[in-house]
Amino acid sequence: MTDLEYDVMDELYFVSSFEQLRETLELEDDELRNVLQTLLRKEWITCYLNHSEEIPHQEADFSDHYQKYYYLATKAGLLAHNGR
């Protein structure tokens, strides 16, 4: 896990919007998108349409809607984050 992945995961113990993450971590859109996409591929995070409606991993159209999604760490992601 990279330092940036660690910092993003640190914010995803609770559901957070792309905008919240971008502001809190002070990252550019492209940089945050790339990290979220990597975490999604590792299945360390999940995407949500809102605070409670999860999008199945295979149905998430990340490249077109990543700025509209909310994010949350998965159990595997939390274990990876805490094991670092």
PDB file of N, CA and C in Angstrom:
ATOM      1  N   MET A   1       0.851  -1.178   0.000  1.00  0.00           N
ATOM      2  CA  MET A   1       0.000   0.000   0.000  1.00  0.00           C
ATOM      3  C   MET A   1       0.894   1.238   0.000  1.00  0.00           C
ATOM      4  N   THR A   2       0.639   2.121  -0.952  1.00  0.00           N
ATOM      5  CA  THR A   2       1.412   3.356  -1.036  1.00  0.00           C
ATOM      6  C   THR A   2       0.962   4.329   0.058  1.00  0.00           C
ATOM      7  N   ASP A   3       1.744   5.360   0.276  1.00  0.00           N
ATOM      8  CA  ASP A   3       1.368   6.381   1.257  1.00  0.00           C
ATOM      9  C   ASP A   3       0.056   7.057   0.875  1.00  0.00           C
ATOM     10  N   LEU A   4      -0.112   7.325  -0.412  1.00  0.00           N
ATOM     11  CA  LEU A   4      -1.339   7.976  -0.864  1.00  0.00           C
ATOM     12  C   LEU A   4      -2.546   7.058  -0.703  1.00  0.00           C
ATOM     13  N   GLU A   5      -2.389   5.787  -1.033  1.00  0.00           N
ATOM     14  CA  GLU A   5      -3.479   4.820  -0.813  1.00  0.00           C
ATOM     15  C   GLU A   5      -3.832   4.771   0.670  1.00  0.00           C
ATOM     16  N   TYR A   6      -2.820   4.775   1.510  1.00  0.00           N
ATOM     17  CA  TYR A   6      -3.038   4.750   2.962  1.00  0.00           C
ATOM     18  C   TYR A   6      -3.842   5.974   3.404  1.00  0.00           C
ATOM     19  N   ASP A   7      -3.459   7.148   2.902  1.00  0.00           N
ATOM     20  CA  ASP A   7      -4.159   8.386   3.281  1.00  0.00           C
ATOM     21  C   ASP A   7      -5.617   8.361   2.837  1.00  0.00           C
ATOM     22  N   VAL A   8      -5.867   7.860   1.632  1.00  0.00           N
ATOM     23  CA  VAL A   8      -7.246   7.776   1.139  1.00  0.00           C
ATOM     24  C   VAL A   8      -8.036   6.778   1.982  1.00  0.00           C
ATOM     25  N   MET A   9      -7.450   5.624   2.221  1.00  0.00           N
ATOM     26  CA  MET A   9      -8.133   4.606   3.040  1.00  0.00           C
ATOM     27  C   MET A   9      -8.446   5.130   4.439  1.00  0.00           C
ATOM     28  N   ASP A  10      -7.577   5.962   4.950  1.00  0.00           N
ATOM     29  CA  ASP A  10      -7.768   6.538   6.275  1.00  0.00           C
ATOM     30  C   ASP A  10      -9.054   7.365   6.348  1.00  0.00           C
ATOM     31  N   GLU A  11      -9.480   7.896   5.224  1.00  0.00           N
ATOM     32  CA  GLU A  11     -10.699   8.707   5.152  1.00  0.00           C
ATOM     33  C   GLU A  11     -11.953   7.883   4.877  1.00  0.00           C
ATOM     34  N   LEU A  12     -11.788   6.590   4.585  1.00  0.00           N
ATOM     35  CA  LEU A  12     -12.928   5.794   4.123  1.00  0.00           C
ATOM     36  C   LEU A  12     -13.467   4.808   5.153  1.00  0.00           C
ATOM     37  N   TYR A  13     -13.287   5.125   6.410  1.00  0.00           N
ATOM     38  CA  TYR A  13     -13.935   4.338   7.472  1.00  0.00           C
ATOM     39  C   TYR A  13     -15.424   4.659   7.501  1.00  0.00           C
ATOM     40  N   PHE A  14     -15.783   5.793   6.930  1.00  0.00           N
ATOM     41  CA  PHE A  14     -17.170   6.209   6.793  1.00  0.00           C
ATOM     42  C   PHE A  14     -17.385   6.602   5.337  1.00  0.00           C
ATOM     43  N   VAL A  15     -18.613   6.511   4.877  1.00  0.00           N
ATOM     44  CA  VAL A  15     -18.938   6.850   3.496  1.00  0.00           C
ATOM     45  C   VAL A  15     -18.558   8.309   3.229  1.00  0.00           C
ATOM     46  N   SER A  16     -17.807   8.523   2.150  1.00  0.00           N
ATOM     47  CA  SER A  16     -17.353   9.867   1.782  1.00  0.00           C
ATOM     48  C   SER A  16     -17.537  10.085   0.289  1.00  0.00           C
ATOM     49  N   SER A  17     -17.913  11.290  -0.065  1.00  0.00           N
ATOM     50  CA  SER A  17     -18.062  11.634  -1.473  1.00  0.00           C
ATOM     51  C   SER A  17     -16.695  11.940  -2.081  1.00  0.00           C
ATOM     52  N   PHE A  18     -16.643  11.906  -3.390  1.00  0.00           N
ATOM     53  CA  PHE A  18     -15.423  12.258  -4.106  1.00  0.00           C
ATOM     54  C   PHE A  18     -14.980  13.666  -3.708  1.00  0.00           C
ATOM     55  N   GLU A  19     -15.936  14.572  -3.669  1.00  0.00           N
ATOM     56  CA  GLU A  19     -15.637  15.970  -3.332  1.00  0.00           C
ATOM     57  C   GLU A  19     -15.066  16.099  -1.918  1.00  0.00           C
ATOM     58  N   GLN A  20     -15.652  15.380  -0.972  1.00  0.00           N
ATOM     59  CA  GLN A  20     -15.133  15.414   0.402  1.00  0.00           C
ATOM     60  C   GLN A  20     -13.693  14.922   0.449  1.00  0.00           C
ATOM     61  N   LEU A  21     -13.429  13.836  -0.242  1.00  0.00           N
ATOM     62  CA  LEU A  21     -12.075  13.287  -0.274  1.00  0.00           C
ATOM     63  C   LEU A  21     -11.096  14.259  -0.915  1.00  0.00           C
ATOM     64  N   ARG A  22     -11.505  14.834  -2.023  1.00  0.00           N
ATOM     65  CA  ARG A  22     -10.633  15.768  -2.746  1.00  0.00           C
ATOM     66  C   ARG A  22     -10.274  16.961  -1.873  1.00  0.00           C
ATOM     67  N   GLU A  23     -11.259  17.507  -1.177  1.00  0.00           N
ATOM     68  CA  GLU A  23     -11.020  18.671  -0.319  1.00  0.00           C
ATOM     69  C   GLU A  23     -10.185  18.312   0.906  1.00  0.00           C
ATOM     70  N   THR A  24     -10.525  17.209   1.554  1.00  0.00           N
ATOM     71  CA  THR A  24      -9.815  16.805   2.766  1.00  0.00           C
ATOM     72  C   THR A  24      -8.354  16.470   2.476  1.00  0.00           C
ATOM     73  N   LEU A  25      -8.134  15.740   1.397  1.00  0.00           N
ATOM     74  CA  LEU A  25      -6.782  15.291   1.068  1.00  0.00           C
ATOM     75  C   LEU A  25      -6.011  16.286   0.208  1.00  0.00           C
ATOM     76  N   GLU A  26      -6.715  17.326  -0.266  1.00  0.00           N
ATOM     77  CA  GLU A  26      -6.109  18.363  -1.101  1.00  0.00           C
ATOM     78  C   GLU A  26      -5.400  17.764  -2.319  1.00  0.00           C
ATOM     79  N   LEU A  27      -6.156  16.926  -3.052  1.00  0.00           N
ATOM     80  CA  LEU A  27      -5.630  16.265  -4.248  1.00  0.00           C
ATOM     81  C   LEU A  27      -6.319  16.798  -5.489  1.00  0.00           C
ATOM     82  N   GLU A  28      -5.619  16.696  -6.605  1.00  0.00           N
ATOM     83  CA  GLU A  28      -6.219  17.014  -7.898  1.00  0.00           C
ATOM     84  C   GLU A  28      -7.176  15.884  -8.272  1.00  0.00           C
ATOM     85  N   ASP A  29      -8.164  16.188  -9.101  1.00  0.00           N
ATOM     86  CA  ASP A  29      -9.156  15.192  -9.518  1.00  0.00           C
ATOM     87  C   ASP A  29      -8.500  13.941 -10.100  1.00  0.00           C
ATOM     88  N   ASP A  30      -7.569  14.131 -11.026  1.00  0.00           N
ATOM     89  CA  ASP A  30      -6.926  12.991 -11.686  1.00  0.00           C
ATOM     90  C   ASP A  30      -6.169  12.105 -10.703  1.00  0.00           C
ATOM     91  N   GLU A  31      -5.479  12.733  -9.779  1.00  0.00           N
ATOM     92  CA  GLU A  31      -4.697  11.976  -8.799  1.00  0.00           C
ATOM     93  C   GLU A  31      -5.610  11.137  -7.908  1.00  0.00           C
ATOM     94  N   LEU A  32      -6.684  11.751  -7.418  1.00  0.00           N
ATOM     95  CA  LEU A  32      -7.624  11.027  -6.566  1.00  0.00           C
ATOM     96  C   LEU A  32      -8.331   9.936  -7.360  1.00  0.00           C
ATOM     97  N   ARG A  33      -8.737  10.237  -8.585  1.00  0.00           N
ATOM     98  CA  ARG A  33      -9.401   9.231  -9.423  1.00  0.00           C
ATOM     99  C   ARG A  33      -8.511   8.005  -9.601  1.00  0.00           C
ATOM    100  N   ASN A  34      -7.239   8.221  -9.881  1.00  0.00           N
ATOM    101  CA  ASN A  34      -6.316   7.113 -10.095  1.00  0.00           C
ATOM    102  C   ASN A  34      -6.165   6.253  -8.848  1.00  0.00           C
ATOM    103  N   VAL A  35      -6.082   6.883  -7.690  1.00  0.00           N
ATOM    104  CA  VAL A  35      -5.945   6.123  -6.444  1.00  0.00           C
ATOM    105  C   VAL A  35      -7.226   5.341  -6.160  1.00  0.00           C
ATOM    106  N   LEU A  36      -8.375   5.984  -6.330  1.00  0.00           N
ATOM    107  CA  LEU A  36      -9.650   5.295  -6.092  1.00  0.00           C
ATOM    108  C   LEU A  36      -9.821   4.127  -7.050  1.00  0.00           C
ATOM    109  N   GLN A  37      -9.424   4.308  -8.292  1.00  0.00           N
ATOM    110  CA  GLN A  37      -9.544   3.229  -9.274  1.00  0.00           C
ATOM    111  C   GLN A  37      -8.651   2.047  -8.878  1.00  0.00           C
ATOM    112  N   THR A  38      -7.461   2.327  -8.402  1.00  0.00           N
ATOM    113  CA  THR A  38      -6.558   1.270  -7.942  1.00  0.00           C
ATOM    114  C   THR A  38      -7.153   0.543  -6.745  1.00  0.00           C
ATOM    115  N   LEU A  39      -7.692   1.293  -5.795  1.00  0.00           N
ATOM    116  CA  LEU A  39      -8.291   0.688  -4.603  1.00  0.00           C
ATOM    117  C   LEU A  39      -9.514  -0.138  -4.964  1.00  0.00           C
ATOM    118  N   LEU A  40     -10.266   0.320  -5.941  1.00  0.00           N
ATOM    119  CA  LEU A  40     -11.440  -0.424  -6.399  1.00  0.00           C
ATOM    120  C   LEU A  40     -11.024  -1.745  -7.048  1.00  0.00           C
ATOM    121  N   ARG A  41      -9.970  -1.708  -7.854  1.00  0.00           N
ATOM    122  CA  ARG A  41      -9.466  -2.943  -8.485  1.00  0.00           C
ATOM    123  C   ARG A  41      -8.981  -3.952  -7.448  1.00  0.00           C
ATOM    124  N   LYS A  42      -8.397  -3.447  -6.372  1.00  0.00           N
ATOM    125  CA  LYS A  42      -7.913  -4.313  -5.293  1.00  0.00           C
ATOM    126  C   LYS A  42      -9.061  -4.794  -4.409  1.00  0.00           C
ATOM    127  N   GLU A  43     -10.267  -4.246  -4.663  1.00  0.00           N
ATOM    128  CA  GLU A  43     -11.467  -4.541  -3.878  1.00  0.00           C
ATOM    129  C   GLU A  43     -11.312  -4.101  -2.431  1.00  0.00           C
ATOM    130  N   TRP A  44     -10.612  -2.997  -2.242  1.00  0.00           N
ATOM    131  CA  TRP A  44     -10.426  -2.415  -0.919  1.00  0.00           C
ATOM    132  C   TRP A  44     -11.451  -1.326  -0.625  1.00  0.00           C
ATOM    133  N   ILE A  45     -12.197  -0.910  -1.653  1.00  0.00           N
ATOM    134  CA  ILE A  45     -13.269   0.064  -1.468  1.00  0.00           C
ATOM    135  C   ILE A  45     -14.483  -0.375  -2.278  1.00  0.00           C
ATOM    136  N   THR A  46     -15.624   0.202  -1.939  1.00  0.00           N
ATOM    137  CA  THR A  46     -16.844   0.008  -2.717  1.00  0.00           C
ATOM    138  C   THR A  46     -17.385   1.372  -3.098  1.00  0.00           C
ATOM    139  N   CYS A  47     -18.191   1.402  -4.150  1.00  0.00           N
ATOM    140  CA  CYS A  47     -18.827   2.634  -4.620  1.00  0.00           C
ATOM    141  C   CYS A  47     -20.293   2.638  -4.205  1.00  0.00           C
ATOM    142  N   TYR A  48     -20.782   3.818  -3.943  1.00  0.00           N
ATOM    143  CA  TYR A  48     -22.182   4.019  -3.580  1.00  0.00           C
ATOM    144  C   TYR A  48     -22.775   5.132  -4.432  1.00  0.00           C
ATOM    145  N   LEU A  49     -24.073   5.010  -4.738  1.00  0.00           N
ATOM    146  CA  LEU A  49     -24.786   6.081  -5.440  1.00  0.00           C
ATOM    147  C   LEU A  49     -25.101   7.228  -4.487  1.00  0.00           C
ATOM    148  N   ASN A  50     -25.330   6.872  -3.240  1.00  0.00           N
ATOM    149  CA  ASN A  50     -25.597   7.846  -2.183  1.00  0.00           C
ATOM    150  C   ASN A  50     -25.042   7.255  -0.899  1.00  0.00           C
ATOM    151  N   HIS A  51     -25.420   7.763   0.241  1.00  0.00           N
ATOM    152  CA  HIS A  51     -24.844   7.276   1.502  1.00  0.00           C
ATOM    153  C   HIS A  51     -25.220   5.840   1.849  1.00  0.00           C
ATOM    154  N   SER A  52     -26.209   5.274   1.160  1.00  0.00           N
ATOM    155  CA  SER A  52     -26.642   3.935   1.568  1.00  0.00           C
ATOM    156  C   SER A  52     -26.833   2.928   0.424  1.00  0.00           C
ATOM    157  N   GLU A  53     -26.809   3.352  -0.820  1.00  0.00           N
ATOM    158  CA  GLU A  53     -27.092   2.454  -1.942  1.00  0.00           C
ATOM    159  C   GLU A  53     -25.800   2.039  -2.652  1.00  0.00           C
ATOM    160  N   GLU A  54     -25.325   0.833  -2.312  1.00  0.00           N
ATOM    161  CA  GLU A  54     -24.088   0.317  -2.884  1.00  0.00           C
ATOM    162  C   GLU A  54     -24.284  -0.090  -4.335  1.00  0.00           C
ATOM    163  N   ILE A  55     -23.269   0.161  -5.136  1.00  0.00           N
ATOM    164  CA  ILE A  55     -23.270  -0.248  -6.539  1.00  0.00           C
ATOM    165  C   ILE A  55     -22.452  -1.529  -6.633  1.00  0.00           C
ATOM    166  N   PRO A  56     -23.022  -2.620  -7.143  1.00  0.00           N
ATOM    167  CA  PRO A  56     -22.224  -3.835  -7.319  1.00  0.00           C
ATOM    168  C   PRO A  56     -20.974  -3.522  -8.138  1.00  0.00           C
ATOM    169  N   HIS A  57     -19.851  -4.083  -7.716  1.00  0.00           N
ATOM    170  CA  HIS A  57     -18.545  -3.790  -8.305  1.00  0.00           C
ATOM    171  C   HIS A  57     -18.570  -3.887  -9.831  1.00  0.00           C
ATOM    172  N   GLN A  58     -19.174  -4.911 -10.369  1.00  0.00           N
ATOM    173  CA  GLN A  58     -19.185  -5.102 -11.814  1.00  0.00           C
ATOM    174  C   GLN A  58     -20.076  -4.096 -12.530  1.00  0.00           C
ATOM    175  N   GLU A  59     -20.971  -3.427 -11.803  1.00  0.00           N
ATOM    176  CA  GLU A  59     -21.875  -2.469 -12.428  1.00  0.00           C
ATOM    177  C   GLU A  59     -21.389  -1.027 -12.304  1.00  0.00           C
ATOM    178  N   ALA A  60     -20.374  -0.803 -11.506  1.00  0.00           N
ATOM    179  CA  ALA A  60     -19.873   0.555 -11.306  1.00  0.00           C
ATOM    180  C   ALA A  60     -19.212   1.048 -12.592  1.00  0.00           C
ATOM    181  N   ASP A  61     -19.737   2.109 -13.144  1.00  0.00           N
ATOM    182  CA  ASP A  61     -19.169   2.717 -14.344  1.00  0.00           C
ATOM    183  C   ASP A  61     -18.226   3.822 -13.877  1.00  0.00           C
ATOM    184  N   PHE A  62     -17.120   3.386 -13.328  1.00  0.00           N
ATOM    185  CA  PHE A  62     -16.204   4.283 -12.639  1.00  0.00           C
ATOM    186  C   PHE A  62     -15.701   5.415 -13.519  1.00  0.00           C
ATOM    187  N   SER A  63     -15.263   5.109 -14.716  1.00  0.00           N
ATOM    188  CA  SER A  63     -14.620   6.123 -15.557  1.00  0.00           C
ATOM    189  C   SER A  63     -15.550   7.283 -15.911  1.00  0.00           C
ATOM    190  N   ASP A  64     -16.845   7.031 -15.961  1.00  0.00           N
ATOM    191  CA  ASP A  64     -17.789   8.092 -16.307  1.00  0.00           C
ATOM    192  C   ASP A  64     -18.436   8.773 -15.107  1.00  0.00           C
ATOM    193  N   HIS A  65     -18.479   8.087 -13.966  1.00  0.00           N
ATOM    194  CA  HIS A  65     -19.253   8.615 -12.837  1.00  0.00           C
ATOM    195  C   HIS A  65     -18.487   8.747 -11.527  1.00  0.00           C
ATOM    196  N   TYR A  66     -17.171   8.590 -11.560  1.00  0.00           N
ATOM    197  CA  TYR A  66     -16.404   8.563 -10.313  1.00  0.00           C
ATOM    198  C   TYR A  66     -16.611   9.804  -9.449  1.00  0.00           C
ATOM    199  N   GLN A  67     -16.856  10.970 -10.047  1.00  0.00           N
ATOM    200  CA  GLN A  67     -17.042  12.195  -9.268  1.00  0.00           C
ATOM    201  C   GLN A  67     -18.401  12.227  -8.564  1.00  0.00           C
ATOM    202  N   LYS A  68     -19.354  11.425  -9.030  1.00  0.00           N
ATOM    203  CA  LYS A  68     -20.690  11.399  -8.443  1.00  0.00           C
ATOM    204  C   LYS A  68     -20.821  10.354  -7.337  1.00  0.00           C
ATOM    205  N   TYR A  69     -19.891   9.413  -7.287  1.00  0.00           N
ATOM    206  CA  TYR A  69     -19.988   8.309  -6.337  1.00  0.00           C
ATOM    207  C   TYR A  69     -19.530   8.696  -4.938  1.00  0.00           C
ATOM    208  N   TYR A  70     -19.974   7.880  -4.011  1.00  0.00           N
ATOM    209  CA  TYR A  70     -19.495   7.915  -2.633  1.00  0.00           C
ATOM    210  C   TYR A  70     -18.661   6.652  -2.445  1.00  0.00           C
ATOM    211  N   TYR A  71     -17.755   6.671  -1.482  1.00  0.00           N
ATOM    212  CA  TYR A  71     -16.808   5.564  -1.311  1.00  0.00           C
ATOM    213  C   TYR A  71     -16.739   5.143   0.147  1.00  0.00           C
ATOM    214  N   LEU A  72     -16.447   3.843   0.321  1.00  0.00           N
ATOM    215  CA  LEU A  72     -16.304   3.269   1.654  1.00  0.00           C
ATOM    216  C   LEU A  72     -15.320   2.118   1.578  1.00  0.00           C
ATOM    217  N   ALA A  73     -14.488   1.989   2.596  1.00  0.00           N
ATOM    218  CA  ALA A  73     -13.533   0.880   2.652  1.00  0.00           C
ATOM    219  C   ALA A  73     -14.279  -0.432   2.871  1.00  0.00           C
ATOM    220  N   THR A  74     -13.784  -1.486   2.251  1.00  0.00           N
ATOM    221  CA  THR A  74     -14.316  -2.828   2.487  1.00  0.00           C
ATOM    222  C   THR A  74     -13.580  -3.445   3.674  1.00  0.00           C
ATOM    223  N   LYS A  75     -14.037  -4.596   4.113  1.00  0.00           N
ATOM    224  CA  LYS A  75     -13.361  -5.296   5.193  1.00  0.00           C
ATOM    225  C   LYS A  75     -11.911  -5.619   4.794  1.00  0.00           C
ATOM    226  N   ALA A  76     -11.726  -6.081   3.559  1.00  0.00           N
ATOM    227  CA  ALA A  76     -10.377  -6.379   3.074  1.00  0.00           C
ATOM    228  C   ALA A  76      -9.523  -5.108   3.053  1.00  0.00           C
ATOM    229  N   GLY A  77     -10.114  -3.996   2.674  1.00  0.00           N
ATOM    230  CA  GLY A  77      -9.395  -2.734   2.662  1.00  0.00           C
ATOM    231  C   GLY A  77      -9.004  -2.270   4.061  1.00  0.00           C
ATOM    232  N   LEU A  78      -9.917  -2.435   5.000  1.00  0.00           N
ATOM    233  CA  LEU A  78      -9.609  -2.064   6.390  1.00  0.00           C
ATOM    234  C   LEU A  78      -8.502  -2.932   6.957  1.00  0.00           C
ATOM    235  N   LEU A  79      -8.534  -4.224   6.638  1.00  0.00           N
ATOM    236  CA  LEU A  79      -7.471  -5.114   7.103  1.00  0.00           C
ATOM    237  C   LEU A  79      -6.134  -4.725   6.512  1.00  0.00           C
ATOM    238  N   ALA A  80      -6.105  -4.393   5.236  1.00  0.00           N
ATOM    239  CA  ALA A  80      -4.865  -3.956   4.588  1.00  0.00           C
ATOM    240  C   ALA A  80      -4.370  -2.646   5.194  1.00  0.00           C
ATOM    241  N   HIS A  81      -5.295  -1.744   5.462  1.00  0.00           N
ATOM    242  CA  HIS A  81      -4.945  -0.449   6.039  1.00  0.00           C
ATOM    243  C   HIS A  81      -4.402  -0.592   7.453  1.00  0.00           C
ATOM    244  N   ASN A  82      -5.042  -1.423   8.238  1.00  0.00           N
ATOM    245  CA  ASN A  82      -4.607  -1.610   9.631  1.00  0.00           C
ATOM    246  C   ASN A  82      -3.362  -2.473   9.737  1.00  0.00           C
ATOM    247  N   GLY A  83      -3.091  -3.302   8.725  1.00  0.00           N
ATOM    248  CA  GLY A  83      -1.938  -4.170   8.747  1.00  0.00           C
ATOM    249  C   GLY A  83      -0.650  -3.512   8.297  1.00  0.00           C
ATOM    250  N   ARG A  84      -0.758  -2.286   7.857  1.00  0.00           N
ATOM    251  CA  ARG A  84       0.417  -1.586   7.369  1.00  0.00           C
ATOM    252  C   ARG A  84       1.308  -1.128   8.480  1.00  0.00           C
TER     253      ARG A  84
END
